[in-house]
């Protein structure tokens, strides 16, 4: 199965902005007073952004027991949604990007799966098959999580959701990000003004609107390449956010994230992820689902995930979470766990 393996990187916008901000303040040493101030700001931001899923015992139905990220291998579903103040559709927006991250405590590493937004799956909230990005429009984070769990038969322990405006504000608060644009294209802006963004190929500095347009466009490639491009954009944001030149902008970063984010993580749980970023052996591996796209009888274009690829990814991520295989491919005893 085709994979793109990338090591020693920050794994997403949210990790860079939420998990690393406090760490960086102390590592770079710009002053205890400012560090305490930002620590409190981050705590307040998480409190204001907290959103419960209404699950029994606050755990996945695929878990026998509650998990603790301090001790257990856990998963987080990152959702980028196409909502904004202009659209006024926070509760009924489509998910524009879905990334499932599994964290392994023993090896201090993360596997990051990009799920194509047009994947043809069953949405339990609706009771029929459609594009996976429709789940959020009909049932928000809960319906999206339920859909991903059924599709991959993996527990989703936590979620982090960010909208268009949060993405734009994050990039602009960093004074833009460097990126090698692969081709010329035009795209609508966040206010749906058609062809308002026009970019040419080559290395350049992108502002928030331009970075969003690049993350959204797919007229010149496909859903899989789009997912990979989103991962590269996230990497560029993470590198800029964690650079020394951006330290004094962390206050703006936290503000940008806080007003445009929702998560069921509390601050103490987020703090438990700091250990990953501090470990010198920390590594990221990105994995992708194989498949083909095409029109179905209803006249709509879908991405059909290859079943063998889905099963292989399922077993790989279940093993990474220290869960037994359900396909008989990577069965192991609990006291004889092997990790990649």
C-alpha atoms as a PDB file:
ATOM      1  CA  UNK A   1       0.000   0.000   0.000  1.00  0.00           C
ATOM      2  CA  UNK A   2       1.252   3.439  -0.894  1.00  0.00           C
ATOM      3  CA  UNK A   3       2.387   5.474   2.109  1.00  0.00           C
ATOM      4  CA  UNK A   4       4.146   8.717   2.724  1.00  0.00           C
ATOM      5  CA  UNK A   5       6.340   8.489   5.812  1.00  0.00           C
ATOM      6  CA  UNK A   6       7.508  11.717   7.385  1.00  0.00           C
ATOM      7  CA  UNK A   7       9.365  11.774  10.696  1.00  0.00           C
ATOM      8  CA  UNK A   8      10.265  14.293  13.386  1.00  0.00           C
ATOM      9  CA  UNK A   9       7.553  16.817  12.563  1.00  0.00           C
ATOM     10  CA  UNK A  10       4.697  18.470  14.404  1.00  0.00           C
ATOM     11  CA  UNK A  11       1.589  16.638  13.289  1.00  0.00           C
ATOM     12  CA  UNK A  12      -1.063  19.307  12.862  1.00  0.00           C
ATOM     13  CA  UNK A  13      -2.128  22.904  13.221  1.00  0.00           C
ATOM     14  CA  UNK A  14      -3.847  22.137  16.487  1.00  0.00           C
ATOM     15  CA  UNK A  15      -0.855  20.409  18.058  1.00  0.00           C
ATOM     16  CA  UNK A  16       1.447  23.234  17.048  1.00  0.00           C
ATOM     17  CA  UNK A  17      -0.872  25.902  18.419  1.00  0.00           C
ATOM     18  CA  UNK A  18      -2.282  24.234  21.492  1.00  0.00           C
ATOM     19  CA  UNK A  19       0.257  21.700  22.713  1.00  0.00           C
ATOM     20  CA  UNK A  20       3.525  23.385  21.796  1.00  0.00           C
ATOM     21  CA  UNK A  21       2.793  26.982  22.797  1.00  0.00           C
ATOM     22  CA  UNK A  22       3.322  26.399  26.503  1.00  0.00           C
ATOM     23  CA  UNK A  23       6.359  24.146  25.919  1.00  0.00           C
ATOM     24  CA  UNK A  24       8.034  26.733  23.701  1.00  0.00           C
ATOM     25  CA  UNK A  25       7.674  29.505  26.232  1.00  0.00           C
ATOM     26  CA  UNK A  26       9.694  27.535  28.756  1.00  0.00           C
ATOM     27  CA  UNK A  27      12.212  26.085  26.291  1.00  0.00           C
ATOM     28  CA  UNK A  28      13.042  29.422  24.703  1.00  0.00           C
ATOM     29  CA  UNK A  29      13.040  31.120  28.086  1.00  0.00           C
ATOM     30  CA  UNK A  30      11.544  34.506  27.338  1.00  0.00           C
ATOM     31  CA  UNK A  31      10.484  35.139  30.907  1.00  0.00           C
ATOM     32  CA  UNK A  32       8.479  33.522  33.692  1.00  0.00           C
ATOM     33  CA  UNK A  33       5.865  36.281  33.830  1.00  0.00           C
ATOM     34  CA  UNK A  34       4.991  35.963  30.147  1.00  0.00           C
ATOM     35  CA  UNK A  35       5.065  32.159  30.440  1.00  0.00           C
ATOM     36  CA  UNK A  36       2.551  32.164  33.273  1.00  0.00           C
ATOM     37  CA  UNK A  37       0.360  34.624  31.374  1.00  0.00           C
ATOM     38  CA  UNK A  38       0.237  32.428  28.257  1.00  0.00           C
ATOM     39  CA  UNK A  39      -0.234  29.290  30.338  1.00  0.00           C
ATOM     40  CA  UNK A  40      -3.311  30.866  31.884  1.00  0.00           C
ATOM     41  CA  UNK A  41      -4.497  32.128  28.495  1.00  0.00           C
ATOM     42  CA  UNK A  42      -4.208  28.635  27.008  1.00  0.00           C
ATOM     43  CA  UNK A  43      -6.086  27.152  29.945  1.00  0.00           C
ATOM     44  CA  UNK A  44      -8.881  29.712  29.580  1.00  0.00           C
ATOM     45  CA  UNK A  45      -9.016  29.119  25.812  1.00  0.00           C
ATOM     46  CA  UNK A  46      -9.495  25.377  26.256  1.00  0.00           C
ATOM     47  CA  UNK A  47     -12.168  25.941  28.898  1.00  0.00           C
ATOM     48  CA  UNK A  48     -14.115  28.281  26.602  1.00  0.00           C
ATOM     49  CA  UNK A  49     -13.764  25.892  23.655  1.00  0.00           C
ATOM     50  CA  UNK A  50     -14.806  22.755  25.541  1.00  0.00           C
ATOM     51  CA  UNK A  51     -17.683  20.799  24.002  1.00  0.00           C
ATOM     52  CA  UNK A  52     -19.015  17.513  25.385  1.00  0.00           C
ATOM     53  CA  UNK A  53     -20.142  14.721  23.081  1.00  0.00           C
ATOM     54  CA  UNK A  54     -22.801  13.352  25.425  1.00  0.00           C
ATOM     55  CA  UNK A  55     -21.320   9.863  25.390  1.00  0.00           C
ATOM     56  CA  UNK A  56     -21.840   7.514  28.340  1.00  0.00           C
ATOM     57  CA  UNK A  57     -18.924   7.856  30.794  1.00  0.00           C
ATOM     58  CA  UNK A  58     -17.391  10.220  28.207  1.00  0.00           C
ATOM     59  CA  UNK A  59     -15.843   7.270  26.336  1.00  0.00           C
ATOM     60  CA  UNK A  60     -16.109   5.644  22.933  1.00  0.00           C
ATOM     61  CA  UNK A  61     -18.582   2.777  22.634  1.00  0.00           C
ATOM     62  CA  UNK A  62     -15.654   0.782  21.202  1.00  0.00           C
ATOM     63  CA  UNK A  63     -13.762   1.101  24.482  1.00  0.00           C
ATOM     64  CA  UNK A  64     -14.351  -1.275  27.405  1.00  0.00           C
ATOM     65  CA  UNK A  65     -12.889   1.261  29.843  1.00  0.00           C
ATOM     66  CA  UNK A  66     -12.251   4.986  29.989  1.00  0.00           C
ATOM     67  CA  UNK A  67      -8.856   6.082  28.704  1.00  0.00           C
ATOM     68  CA  UNK A  68      -6.322   8.458  30.193  1.00  0.00           C
ATOM     69  CA  UNK A  69      -3.814  10.044  27.754  1.00  0.00           C
ATOM     70  CA  UNK A  70      -1.260  10.106  30.565  1.00  0.00           C
ATOM     71  CA  UNK A  71      -1.097   6.307  30.546  1.00  0.00           C
ATOM     72  CA  UNK A  72      -2.991   5.001  27.508  1.00  0.00           C
ATOM     73  CA  UNK A  73      -2.637   5.021  23.733  1.00  0.00           C
ATOM     74  CA  UNK A  74      -5.425   7.269  22.456  1.00  0.00           C
ATOM     75  CA  UNK A  75      -6.838   8.740  19.263  1.00  0.00           C
ATOM     76  CA  UNK A  76      -7.859  12.273  18.250  1.00  0.00           C
ATOM     77  CA  UNK A  77      -9.992  13.182  15.230  1.00  0.00           C
ATOM     78  CA  UNK A  78      -9.114  16.605  13.798  1.00  0.00           C
ATOM     79  CA  UNK A  79     -11.910  18.250  11.810  1.00  0.00           C
ATOM     80  CA  UNK A  80     -11.556  21.254   9.540  1.00  0.00           C
ATOM     81  CA  UNK A  81     -15.063  22.538   8.760  1.00  0.00           C
ATOM     82  CA  UNK A  82     -16.205  24.940   6.057  1.00  0.00           C
ATOM     83  CA  UNK A  83     -18.059  27.245   8.415  1.00  0.00           C
ATOM     84  CA  UNK A  84     -17.555  30.958   8.931  1.00  0.00           C
ATOM     85  CA  UNK A  85     -19.368  34.017  10.268  1.00  0.00           C
ATOM     86  CA  UNK A  86     -20.161  34.928   6.666  1.00  0.00           C
ATOM     87  CA  UNK A  87     -21.836  31.584   6.012  1.00  0.00           C
ATOM     88  CA  UNK A  88     -23.505  31.360   9.422  1.00  0.00           C
ATOM     89  CA  UNK A  89     -23.498  27.565   9.250  1.00  0.00           C
ATOM     90  CA  UNK A  90     -21.533  26.422  12.288  1.00  0.00           C
ATOM     91  CA  UNK A  91     -24.028  23.714  13.198  1.00  0.00           C
ATOM     92  CA  UNK A  92     -24.638  22.458   9.653  1.00  0.00           C
ATOM     93  CA  UNK A  93     -21.274  22.781   7.922  1.00  0.00           C
ATOM     94  CA  UNK A  94     -19.495  20.078   5.958  1.00  0.00           C
ATOM     95  CA  UNK A  95     -16.168  18.769   7.196  1.00  0.00           C
ATOM     96  CA  UNK A  96     -13.546  19.920   4.701  1.00  0.00           C
ATOM     97  CA  UNK A  97     -10.673  17.932   6.226  1.00  0.00           C
ATOM     98  CA  UNK A  98     -10.582  14.870   8.482  1.00  0.00           C
ATOM     99  CA  UNK A  99      -7.359  13.659  10.085  1.00  0.00           C
ATOM    100  CA  UNK A 100      -7.278  10.787  12.575  1.00  0.00           C
ATOM    101  CA  UNK A 101      -4.214  10.666  14.828  1.00  0.00           C
ATOM    102  CA  UNK A 102      -3.295   7.680  17.012  1.00  0.00           C
ATOM    103  CA  UNK A 103      -0.787   8.225  19.846  1.00  0.00           C
ATOM    104  CA  UNK A 104       1.473   5.458  21.161  1.00  0.00           C
ATOM    105  CA  UNK A 105       2.937   6.193  24.604  1.00  0.00           C
ATOM    106  CA  UNK A 106       5.595   3.469  24.639  1.00  0.00           C
ATOM    107  CA  UNK A 107       7.192   4.471  21.351  1.00  0.00           C
ATOM    108  CA  UNK A 108       6.301   8.175  21.721  1.00  0.00           C
ATOM    109  CA  UNK A 109       5.070   8.405  18.154  1.00  0.00           C
ATOM    110  CA  UNK A 110       1.971   9.280  16.171  1.00  0.00           C
ATOM    111  CA  UNK A 111       0.313   7.816  13.095  1.00  0.00           C
ATOM    112  CA  UNK A 112      -1.718  10.344  11.120  1.00  0.00           C
ATOM    113  CA  UNK A 113      -4.405   9.217   8.686  1.00  0.00           C
ATOM    114  CA  UNK A 114      -5.974  11.610   6.175  1.00  0.00           C
ATOM    115  CA  UNK A 115      -9.545  10.544   5.326  1.00  0.00           C
ATOM    116  CA  UNK A 116     -10.704  11.805   1.895  1.00  0.00           C
ATOM    117  CA  UNK A 117     -13.727  14.084   2.316  1.00  0.00           C
ATOM    118  CA  UNK A 118     -15.614  12.395  -0.539  1.00  0.00           C
ATOM    119  CA  UNK A 119     -15.188   8.861   0.818  1.00  0.00           C
ATOM    120  CA  UNK A 120     -18.342   6.799   0.240  1.00  0.00           C
ATOM    121  CA  UNK A 121     -19.309   5.449   3.670  1.00  0.00           C
ATOM    122  CA  UNK A 122     -22.372   4.686   5.750  1.00  0.00           C
ATOM    123  CA  UNK A 123     -23.371   7.593   7.991  1.00  0.00           C
ATOM    124  CA  UNK A 124     -25.208   6.100  11.022  1.00  0.00           C
ATOM    125  CA  UNK A 125     -26.933   9.426  11.752  1.00  0.00           C
ATOM    126  CA  UNK A 126     -28.625   9.172   8.345  1.00  0.00           C
ATOM    127  CA  UNK A 127     -28.871   5.402   8.026  1.00  0.00           C
ATOM    128  CA  UNK A 128     -27.496   5.284   4.479  1.00  0.00           C
ATOM    129  CA  UNK A 129     -24.273   5.667   2.473  1.00  0.00           C
ATOM    130  CA  UNK A 130     -23.050   9.076   1.320  1.00  0.00           C
ATOM    131  CA  UNK A 131     -19.920  11.243   1.458  1.00  0.00           C
ATOM    132  CA  UNK A 132     -18.212  11.149   4.842  1.00  0.00           C
ATOM    133  CA  UNK A 133     -18.100  14.961   5.006  1.00  0.00           C
ATOM    134  CA  UNK A 134     -21.936  15.046   5.149  1.00  0.00           C
ATOM    135  CA  UNK A 135     -21.903  13.541   8.649  1.00  0.00           C
ATOM    136  CA  UNK A 136     -20.952  16.829  10.305  1.00  0.00           C
ATOM    137  CA  UNK A 137     -23.673  18.738   8.445  1.00  0.00           C
ATOM    138  CA  UNK A 138     -26.350  16.450   9.880  1.00  0.00           C
ATOM    139  CA  UNK A 139     -24.979  15.748  13.352  1.00  0.00           C
ATOM    140  CA  UNK A 140     -21.840  17.743  14.118  1.00  0.00           C
ATOM    141  CA  UNK A 141     -18.793  16.172  15.786  1.00  0.00           C
ATOM    142  CA  UNK A 142     -20.831  13.331  17.331  1.00  0.00           C
ATOM    143  CA  UNK A 143     -22.152  12.111  13.975  1.00  0.00           C
ATOM    144  CA  UNK A 144     -18.714  12.484  12.382  1.00  0.00           C
ATOM    145  CA  UNK A 145     -17.040  10.473  15.130  1.00  0.00           C
ATOM    146  CA  UNK A 146     -19.717   7.777  14.949  1.00  0.00           C
ATOM    147  CA  UNK A 147     -19.201   7.547  11.181  1.00  0.00           C
ATOM    148  CA  UNK A 148     -15.402   7.288  11.420  1.00  0.00           C
ATOM    149  CA  UNK A 149     -15.666   4.685  14.183  1.00  0.00           C
ATOM    150  CA  UNK A 150     -18.003   2.504  12.111  1.00  0.00           C
ATOM    151  CA  UNK A 151     -15.953   2.952   8.933  1.00  0.00           C
ATOM    152  CA  UNK A 152     -12.613   2.008  10.510  1.00  0.00           C
ATOM    153  CA  UNK A 153     -13.861   0.071  13.555  1.00  0.00           C
ATOM    154  CA  UNK A 154     -11.539   2.158  15.698  1.00  0.00           C
ATOM    155  CA  UNK A 155     -12.363   4.127  18.850  1.00  0.00           C
ATOM    156  CA  UNK A 156     -12.195   7.917  18.530  1.00  0.00           C
ATOM    157  CA  UNK A 157     -11.392   9.164  22.021  1.00  0.00           C
ATOM    158  CA  UNK A 158     -11.154  12.918  21.404  1.00  0.00           C
ATOM    159  CA  UNK A 159     -11.859  15.501  18.727  1.00  0.00           C
ATOM    160  CA  UNK A 160     -10.639  18.986  17.799  1.00  0.00           C
ATOM    161  CA  UNK A 161     -12.625  21.083  15.306  1.00  0.00           C
ATOM    162  CA  UNK A 162     -11.566  24.352  13.659  1.00  0.00           C
ATOM    163  CA  UNK A 163     -13.392  26.523  11.107  1.00  0.00           C
ATOM    164  CA  UNK A 164     -12.271  28.639   8.134  1.00  0.00           C
ATOM    165  CA  UNK A 165     -11.883  31.838  10.124  1.00  0.00           C
ATOM    166  CA  UNK A 166      -9.650  30.143  12.697  1.00  0.00           C
ATOM    167  CA  UNK A 167      -7.383  28.836   9.950  1.00  0.00           C
ATOM    168  CA  UNK A 168      -7.122  32.252   8.279  1.00  0.00           C
ATOM    169  CA  UNK A 169      -6.466  34.071  11.566  1.00  0.00           C
ATOM    170  CA  UNK A 170      -3.771  31.587  12.569  1.00  0.00           C
ATOM    171  CA  UNK A 171      -1.847  32.063   9.312  1.00  0.00           C
ATOM    172  CA  UNK A 172      -2.257  35.849   9.385  1.00  0.00           C
ATOM    173  CA  UNK A 173      -1.144  36.030  13.032  1.00  0.00           C
ATOM    174  CA  UNK A 174       2.120  34.406  11.860  1.00  0.00           C
ATOM    175  CA  UNK A 175       2.490  37.028   9.091  1.00  0.00           C
ATOM    176  CA  UNK A 176       1.953  34.287   6.530  1.00  0.00           C
ATOM    177  CA  UNK A 177       3.624  30.948   5.776  1.00  0.00           C
ATOM    178  CA  UNK A 178       6.164  29.939   3.115  1.00  0.00           C
ATOM    179  CA  UNK A 179       4.958  27.372   0.594  1.00  0.00           C
ATOM    180  CA  UNK A 180       5.914  26.023  -2.807  1.00  0.00           C
ATOM    181  CA  UNK A 181       2.646  26.318  -4.746  1.00  0.00           C
ATOM    182  CA  UNK A 182       2.511  23.365  -7.189  1.00  0.00           C
ATOM    183  CA  UNK A 183       0.509  24.971 -10.007  1.00  0.00           C
ATOM    184  CA  UNK A 184      -1.453  28.051 -11.105  1.00  0.00           C
ATOM    185  CA  UNK A 185      -5.060  28.116  -9.962  1.00  0.00           C
ATOM    186  CA  UNK A 186      -7.972  30.338  -9.003  1.00  0.00           C
ATOM    187  CA  UNK A 187     -10.276  29.688  -6.050  1.00  0.00           C
ATOM    188  CA  UNK A 188     -13.087  31.384  -4.130  1.00  0.00           C
ATOM    189  CA  UNK A 189     -12.189  33.168  -0.896  1.00  0.00           C
ATOM    190  CA  UNK A 190     -13.781  32.526   2.511  1.00  0.00           C
ATOM    191  CA  UNK A 191     -16.650  34.896   1.622  1.00  0.00           C
ATOM    192  CA  UNK A 192     -17.438  32.774  -1.460  1.00  0.00           C
ATOM    193  CA  UNK A 193     -16.284  35.463  -3.903  1.00  0.00           C
ATOM    194  CA  UNK A 194     -15.615  33.410  -7.041  1.00  0.00           C
ATOM    195  CA  UNK A 195     -11.993  33.335  -8.320  1.00  0.00           C
ATOM    196  CA  UNK A 196     -10.963  35.943  -5.741  1.00  0.00           C
ATOM    197  CA  UNK A 197      -7.713  34.065  -5.084  1.00  0.00           C
ATOM    198  CA  UNK A 198      -5.271  33.627  -7.974  1.00  0.00           C
ATOM    199  CA  UNK A 199      -1.930  31.976  -7.272  1.00  0.00           C
ATOM    200  CA  UNK A 200       0.999  31.092  -9.537  1.00  0.00           C
ATOM    201  CA  UNK A 201       3.391  28.165  -9.072  1.00  0.00           C
ATOM    202  CA  UNK A 202       6.560  28.583  -7.047  1.00  0.00           C
ATOM    203  CA  UNK A 203       7.923  29.279  -3.565  1.00  0.00           C
ATOM    204  CA  UNK A 204       6.129  32.246  -1.958  1.00  0.00           C
ATOM    205  CA  UNK A 205       4.655  33.644   1.245  1.00  0.00           C
ATOM    206  CA  UNK A 206       0.934  32.942   1.598  1.00  0.00           C
ATOM    207  CA  UNK A 207      -1.510  34.911   3.725  1.00  0.00           C
ATOM    208  CA  UNK A 208      -4.458  33.263   5.461  1.00  0.00           C
ATOM    209  CA  UNK A 209      -6.913  33.513   2.558  1.00  0.00           C
ATOM    210  CA  UNK A 210      -4.328  32.199   0.095  1.00  0.00           C
ATOM    211  CA  UNK A 211      -3.313  29.297   2.334  1.00  0.00           C
ATOM    212  CA  UNK A 212      -6.974  28.357   2.783  1.00  0.00           C
ATOM    213  CA  UNK A 213      -7.563  28.472  -0.978  1.00  0.00           C
ATOM    214  CA  UNK A 214      -4.576  26.188  -1.550  1.00  0.00           C
ATOM    215  CA  UNK A 215      -5.826  23.781   1.108  1.00  0.00           C
ATOM    216  CA  UNK A 216      -9.305  23.665  -0.451  1.00  0.00           C
ATOM    217  CA  UNK A 217      -8.621  23.564  -4.198  1.00  0.00           C
ATOM    218  CA  UNK A 218      -8.671  20.226  -6.009  1.00  0.00           C
ATOM    219  CA  UNK A 219      -9.507  21.080  -9.618  1.00  0.00           C
ATOM    220  CA  UNK A 220      -5.960  20.274 -10.746  1.00  0.00           C
ATOM    221  CA  UNK A 221      -5.428  17.010  -8.856  1.00  0.00           C
ATOM    222  CA  UNK A 222      -7.602  14.734  -6.687  1.00  0.00           C
ATOM    223  CA  UNK A 223      -8.868  14.112  -3.170  1.00  0.00           C
ATOM    224  CA  UNK A 224      -5.793  12.124  -2.126  1.00  0.00           C
ATOM    225  CA  UNK A 225      -3.320  14.734  -3.364  1.00  0.00           C
ATOM    226  CA  UNK A 226      -5.452  17.392  -1.713  1.00  0.00           C
ATOM    227  CA  UNK A 227      -5.138  15.565   1.614  1.00  0.00           C
ATOM    228  CA  UNK A 228      -1.370  15.346   1.261  1.00  0.00           C
ATOM    229  CA  UNK A 229      -1.202  19.045   0.378  1.00  0.00           C
ATOM    230  CA  UNK A 230      -3.198  19.871   3.518  1.00  0.00           C
ATOM    231  CA  UNK A 231      -0.679  17.912   5.585  1.00  0.00           C
ATOM    232  CA  UNK A 232       2.168  19.910   3.995  1.00  0.00           C
ATOM    233  CA  UNK A 233       0.381  23.200   4.724  1.00  0.00           C
ATOM    234  CA  UNK A 234      -0.102  22.123   8.334  1.00  0.00           C
ATOM    235  CA  UNK A 235       3.603  21.322   8.544  1.00  0.00           C
ATOM    236  CA  UNK A 236       4.500  24.777   7.246  1.00  0.00           C
ATOM    237  CA  UNK A 237       2.200  26.404   9.820  1.00  0.00           C
ATOM    238  CA  UNK A 238       3.686  24.272  12.587  1.00  0.00           C
ATOM    239  CA  UNK A 239       7.258  25.186  11.649  1.00  0.00           C
ATOM    240  CA  UNK A 240       6.402  28.891  11.522  1.00  0.00           C
ATOM    241  CA  UNK A 241       4.469  28.739  14.804  1.00  0.00           C
ATOM    242  CA  UNK A 242       7.349  27.040  16.597  1.00  0.00           C
ATOM    243  CA  UNK A 243      10.084  29.323  15.229  1.00  0.00           C
ATOM    244  CA  UNK A 244      11.813  31.815  17.493  1.00  0.00           C
ATOM    245  CA  UNK A 245      10.445  34.716  15.444  1.00  0.00           C
ATOM    246  CA  UNK A 246       6.884  33.686  16.297  1.00  0.00           C
ATOM    247  CA  UNK A 247       7.251  33.394  20.069  1.00  0.00           C
ATOM    248  CA  UNK A 248       5.933  36.891  20.758  1.00  0.00           C
ATOM    249  CA  UNK A 249       2.966  36.162  18.477  1.00  0.00           C
ATOM    250  CA  UNK A 250       1.745  33.227  20.569  1.00  0.00           C
ATOM    251  CA  UNK A 251      -0.795  35.455  22.295  1.00  0.00           C
ATOM    252  CA  UNK A 252      -2.382  36.218  18.895  1.00  0.00           C
ATOM    253  CA  UNK A 253      -2.191  32.529  17.953  1.00  0.00           C
ATOM    254  CA  UNK A 254      -4.024  31.414  21.071  1.00  0.00           C
ATOM    255  CA  UNK A 255      -6.704  34.081  20.524  1.00  0.00           C
ATOM    256  CA  UNK A 256      -7.165  32.990  16.905  1.00  0.00           C
ATOM    257  CA  UNK A 257      -7.559  29.350  17.905  1.00  0.00           C
ATOM    258  CA  UNK A 258      -9.784  29.893  20.904  1.00  0.00           C
ATOM    259  CA  UNK A 259     -12.636  31.715  19.223  1.00  0.00           C
ATOM    260  CA  UNK A 260     -12.818  29.275  16.321  1.00  0.00           C
ATOM    261  CA  UNK A 261     -12.299  25.886  17.933  1.00  0.00           C
ATOM    262  CA  UNK A 262     -14.262  23.194  19.754  1.00  0.00           C
ATOM    263  CA  UNK A 263     -12.851  20.150  21.564  1.00  0.00           C
ATOM    264  CA  UNK A 264     -13.811  17.601  24.207  1.00  0.00           C
ATOM    265  CA  UNK A 265     -10.268  17.675  25.597  1.00  0.00           C
ATOM    266  CA  UNK A 266      -9.802  19.497  28.875  1.00  0.00           C
ATOM    267  CA  UNK A 267      -6.639  21.384  29.748  1.00  0.00           C
ATOM    268  CA  UNK A 268      -5.184  18.686  32.002  1.00  0.00           C
ATOM    269  CA  UNK A 269      -5.623  16.123  29.198  1.00  0.00           C
ATOM    270  CA  UNK A 270      -3.934  18.407  26.696  1.00  0.00           C
ATOM    271  CA  UNK A 271      -1.010  18.878  29.067  1.00  0.00           C
ATOM    272  CA  UNK A 272      -0.483  15.112  29.067  1.00  0.00           C
ATOM    273  CA  UNK A 273       0.453  15.289  25.371  1.00  0.00           C
ATOM    274  CA  UNK A 274       3.399  17.601  26.099  1.00  0.00           C
ATOM    275  CA  UNK A 275       5.592  14.537  26.756  1.00  0.00           C
ATOM    276  CA  UNK A 276       5.402  13.552  23.075  1.00  0.00           C
ATOM    277  CA  UNK A 277       6.844  16.840  21.869  1.00  0.00           C
ATOM    278  CA  UNK A 278       9.625  16.754  24.490  1.00  0.00           C
ATOM    279  CA  UNK A 279      10.802  13.244  23.597  1.00  0.00           C
ATOM    280  CA  UNK A 280      13.817  13.296  21.262  1.00  0.00           C
ATOM    281  CA  UNK A 281      12.555  10.064  19.674  1.00  0.00           C
ATOM    282  CA  UNK A 282       9.192  11.620  18.830  1.00  0.00           C
ATOM    283  CA  UNK A 283       8.202  10.749  15.254  1.00  0.00           C
ATOM    284  CA  UNK A 284       5.246  11.116  12.919  1.00  0.00           C
ATOM    285  CA  UNK A 285       4.129   8.692  10.231  1.00  0.00           C
ATOM    286  CA  UNK A 286       1.437   9.765   7.782  1.00  0.00           C
ATOM    287  CA  UNK A 287      -0.681   7.051   6.181  1.00  0.00           C
ATOM    288  CA  UNK A 288      -3.269   7.246   3.424  1.00  0.00           C
ATOM    289  CA  UNK A 289      -6.169   5.162   2.183  1.00  0.00           C
ATOM    290  CA  UNK A 290      -6.010   3.838  -1.362  1.00  0.00           C
ATOM    291  CA  UNK A 291      -9.028   3.885  -3.639  1.00  0.00           C
ATOM    292  CA  UNK A 292     -10.594   5.202  -6.816  1.00  0.00           C
ATOM    293  CA  UNK A 293     -13.023   8.002  -7.625  1.00  0.00           C
ATOM    294  CA  UNK A 294     -15.989   8.037  -9.935  1.00  0.00           C
ATOM    295  CA  UNK A 295     -19.640   8.852 -10.492  1.00  0.00           C
ATOM    296  CA  UNK A 296     -22.320   6.533  -9.114  1.00  0.00           C
ATOM    297  CA  UNK A 297     -25.927   5.934 -10.148  1.00  0.00           C
ATOM    298  CA  UNK A 298     -27.110   9.056  -8.337  1.00  0.00           C
ATOM    299  CA  UNK A 299     -24.845  11.164 -10.580  1.00  0.00           C
ATOM    300  CA  UNK A 300     -22.584  12.202  -7.683  1.00  0.00           C
ATOM    301  CA  UNK A 301     -18.800  11.767  -7.617  1.00  0.00           C
ATOM    302  CA  UNK A 302     -17.513   9.656  -4.696  1.00  0.00           C
ATOM    303  CA  UNK A 303     -14.177   8.293  -3.531  1.00  0.00           C
ATOM    304  CA  UNK A 304     -14.413   4.513  -3.154  1.00  0.00           C
ATOM    305  CA  UNK A 305     -11.884   3.349  -0.551  1.00  0.00           C
ATOM    306  CA  UNK A 306     -10.248   0.058  -1.487  1.00  0.00           C
ATOM    307  CA  UNK A 307     -11.390  -2.573   1.015  1.00  0.00           C
ATOM    308  CA  UNK A 308      -7.963  -4.207   1.302  1.00  0.00           C
ATOM    309  CA  UNK A 309      -6.448  -0.781   2.028  1.00  0.00           C
ATOM    310  CA  UNK A 310      -9.117  -0.027   4.638  1.00  0.00           C
ATOM    311  CA  UNK A 311      -8.505  -3.351   6.418  1.00  0.00           C
ATOM    312  CA  UNK A 312      -4.723  -2.875   6.349  1.00  0.00           C
ATOM    313  CA  UNK A 313      -4.974   0.660   7.776  1.00  0.00           C
ATOM    314  CA  UNK A 314      -7.506  -0.538  10.352  1.00  0.00           C
ATOM    315  CA  UNK A 315      -5.162  -3.272  11.604  1.00  0.00           C
ATOM    316  CA  UNK A 316      -2.159  -0.932  11.610  1.00  0.00           C
ATOM    317  CA  UNK A 317      -3.929   1.711  13.704  1.00  0.00           C
ATOM    318  CA  UNK A 318      -5.524  -0.839  16.042  1.00  0.00           C
ATOM    319  CA  UNK A 319      -2.108  -2.290  16.751  1.00  0.00           C
ATOM    320  CA  UNK A 320      -0.760   1.211  17.332  1.00  0.00           C
ATOM    321  CA  UNK A 321      -3.506   1.722  19.936  1.00  0.00           C
ATOM    322  CA  UNK A 322      -2.647  -1.655  21.503  1.00  0.00           C
ATOM    323  CA  UNK A 323      -5.979  -3.140  20.408  1.00  0.00           C
ATOM    324  CA  UNK A 324      -6.321  -6.659  18.963  1.00  0.00           C
ATOM    325  CA  UNK A 325      -6.871  -7.118  15.247  1.00  0.00           C
ATOM    326  CA  UNK A 326     -10.408  -7.906  14.160  1.00  0.00           C
ATOM    327  CA  UNK A 327      -9.224  -9.270  10.814  1.00  0.00           C
ATOM    328  CA  UNK A 328      -6.729 -11.869  12.024  1.00  0.00           C
ATOM    329  CA  UNK A 329      -3.844 -10.040  10.358  1.00  0.00           C
ATOM    330  CA  UNK A 330      -1.924  -8.617  13.311  1.00  0.00           C
ATOM    331  CA  UNK A 331      -3.221 -10.633  16.257  1.00  0.00           C
ATOM    332  CA  UNK A 332      -1.073 -10.370  19.375  1.00  0.00           C
ATOM    333  CA  UNK A 333      -1.247 -11.057  23.076  1.00  0.00           C
ATOM    334  CA  UNK A 334      -1.505  -8.066  25.377  1.00  0.00           C
ATOM    335  CA  UNK A 335       1.845  -8.906  26.994  1.00  0.00           C
ATOM    336  CA  UNK A 336       3.545  -9.448  23.615  1.00  0.00           C
ATOM    337  CA  UNK A 337       2.832  -6.203  21.820  1.00  0.00           C
ATOM    338  CA  UNK A 338       5.009  -5.309  18.850  1.00  0.00           C
ATOM    339  CA  UNK A 339       5.128  -1.724  17.540  1.00  0.00           C
ATOM    340  CA  UNK A 340       6.289  -0.249  14.277  1.00  0.00           C
END
